[in-house]
Protein backbone atom coordinates (compact mmCIF):
# COMPACT_ATOMS: atom_id res chain seq x y z
CA MET A 1 36.23 8.80 40.59
CA MET A 2 34.99 5.37 41.15
CA THR A 3 33.55 3.20 38.52
CA ILE A 4 30.26 1.46 38.76
CA ASP A 5 32.08 -1.86 39.17
CA GLU A 6 34.14 -0.42 42.13
CA ILE A 7 31.02 0.76 43.79
CA LYS A 8 29.32 -2.66 43.21
CA ASN A 9 32.36 -4.40 44.78
CA ASN A 10 32.33 -2.17 47.85
CA LEU A 11 29.45 -3.85 49.93
CA GLU A 12 29.80 -1.40 52.77
CA LEU A 13 29.20 1.50 50.35
CA VAL A 14 26.34 -0.20 48.50
CA ASN A 15 24.64 -0.87 51.82
CA SER A 16 25.07 2.77 52.82
CA ILE A 17 23.28 4.23 49.82
CA ASP A 18 20.15 6.11 50.71
CA TRP A 19 17.89 5.34 47.79
CA ASP A 20 15.27 7.87 48.86
CA MET A 21 17.60 10.81 49.37
CA THR A 22 16.93 13.65 46.92
CA PRO A 23 19.10 16.59 46.15
CA GLU A 24 16.52 18.91 47.83
CA GLU A 25 16.34 16.68 50.96
CA ALA A 26 20.18 16.60 51.19
CA VAL A 27 20.24 20.40 51.17
CA THR A 28 17.59 20.49 53.91
CA LEU A 29 19.15 17.88 56.00
CA TYR A 30 22.82 19.06 55.77
CA LEU A 31 22.71 22.75 55.09
CA GLU A 32 19.56 23.95 56.68
CA TRP A 33 19.88 22.44 60.12
CA GLY A 34 17.14 24.53 61.61
CA ASN A 35 14.28 22.68 59.97
CA ASN A 36 15.41 19.17 59.93
CA TRP A 37 13.14 18.01 62.73
CA ALA A 38 10.18 18.57 60.57
CA HIS A 39 11.50 15.85 58.10
CA GLY A 40 12.07 13.26 60.78
CA LYS A 41 15.86 13.11 60.22
CA VAL A 42 18.50 14.95 62.21
CA VAL A 43 22.09 15.67 61.47
CA ARG A 44 24.05 15.88 64.75
CA SER A 45 27.63 16.46 63.51
CA LYS A 46 29.86 16.52 60.45
CA ASP A 47 30.35 12.79 61.06
CA ASP A 48 26.80 12.23 59.89
CA VAL A 49 27.08 11.40 56.16
CA SER A 50 24.75 10.30 53.30
CA TYR A 51 25.44 8.42 50.07
CA TYR A 52 23.05 8.95 47.30
CA PHE A 53 22.78 9.19 43.50
CA VAL A 54 21.59 12.11 41.48
CA VAL A 55 21.29 12.79 37.74
CA ASN A 56 22.83 15.84 36.38
CA ASN A 57 21.05 16.87 33.33
CA TRP A 58 22.65 20.29 32.55
CA LYS A 59 24.54 19.03 29.57
CA GLU A 60 23.45 17.23 26.42
CA GLU A 61 23.94 13.76 28.02
CA PRO A 62 22.58 12.98 31.51
CA ILE A 63 25.24 12.01 33.93
CA ILE A 64 24.61 9.82 37.10
CA TYR A 65 26.73 10.86 40.12
CA LEU A 66 27.30 9.12 43.51
CA ILE A 67 27.42 11.83 46.13
CA LYS A 68 28.79 11.68 49.59
CA ARG A 69 27.38 14.49 51.57
CA ASN A 70 27.96 15.79 55.07
CA SER A 71 27.46 19.23 56.61
CA GLU A 72 30.77 20.45 55.32
CA GLU A 73 30.86 19.31 51.70
CA ALA A 74 29.32 17.20 48.86
CA LEU A 75 31.88 14.94 47.18
CA GLU A 76 31.29 13.40 43.80
CA LEU A 77 32.61 9.83 44.31
CA ALA A 78 31.57 8.46 40.85
CA ALA A 79 30.18 9.75 37.61
CA PHE A 80 29.02 7.69 34.62
CA ASN A 81 26.74 7.81 31.54
CA MET A 82 23.19 6.68 31.71
CA PRO A 83 22.59 3.59 29.59
CA GLU A 84 20.99 4.51 26.24
CA ASP A 85 17.89 2.35 26.84
CA ILE A 86 16.74 4.45 29.75
CA LYS A 87 17.69 8.01 28.58
CA GLY A 88 14.40 8.43 26.88
CA SER A 89 12.39 7.40 29.89
CA PHE A 90 14.42 9.77 32.15
CA SER A 91 14.09 12.64 29.78
CA ASP A 92 10.38 12.13 29.51
CA SER A 93 10.14 11.95 33.33
CA VAL A 94 11.65 15.42 33.66
CA SER A 95 9.98 16.84 30.59
CA GLY A 96 13.40 17.35 28.99
CA LEU A 97 14.17 20.15 31.52
CA LYS A 98 17.74 20.75 32.64
CA GLY A 99 18.63 20.29 36.32
CA VAL A 100 19.82 17.98 38.94
CA TYR A 101 17.29 15.14 39.73
CA PRO A 102 16.95 12.29 42.18
CA VAL A 103 17.12 8.81 40.79
CA THR A 104 13.65 7.39 40.29
CA GLY A 105 11.80 4.97 37.98
CA LYS A 106 13.94 3.11 35.38
CA VAL A 107 17.12 4.82 36.40
CA LYS A 108 16.76 3.74 40.02
CA LYS A 109 15.83 0.24 38.99
CA TRP A 110 18.83 -0.03 36.70
CA LEU A 111 21.27 1.23 39.42
CA GLN A 112 19.76 -1.15 41.97
CA ASP A 113 19.96 -4.15 39.53
CA THR A 114 23.46 -3.15 38.49
CA LEU A 115 24.79 -2.92 42.06
CA LYS A 116 23.47 -6.34 43.09
CA LYS A 117 26.04 -8.95 43.32
């Protein structure tokens, strides 16, 4: 697994991150090929890939993952804890519910700020 510093130091990877990709959109795009056209994006082969962050909130502590997804698999490239100062904001944004969520709000801003050189 990569660290946040390793991600930050990989400019090609940082520039490849799709900040608007959600877990739901990734499933639609890569696993439900039949209705992709309706969303304006098309996957043409297994060589098409997306890099995006999600927050896994199934355990006591929310974990941020960097995912690499194509039509064959989803790989977790990195996993790290959410900073304490944004956990409350994240929990409020999902009403404390368990699940896998896109990065939004303060979490997204923190990630983008952290990955800037």
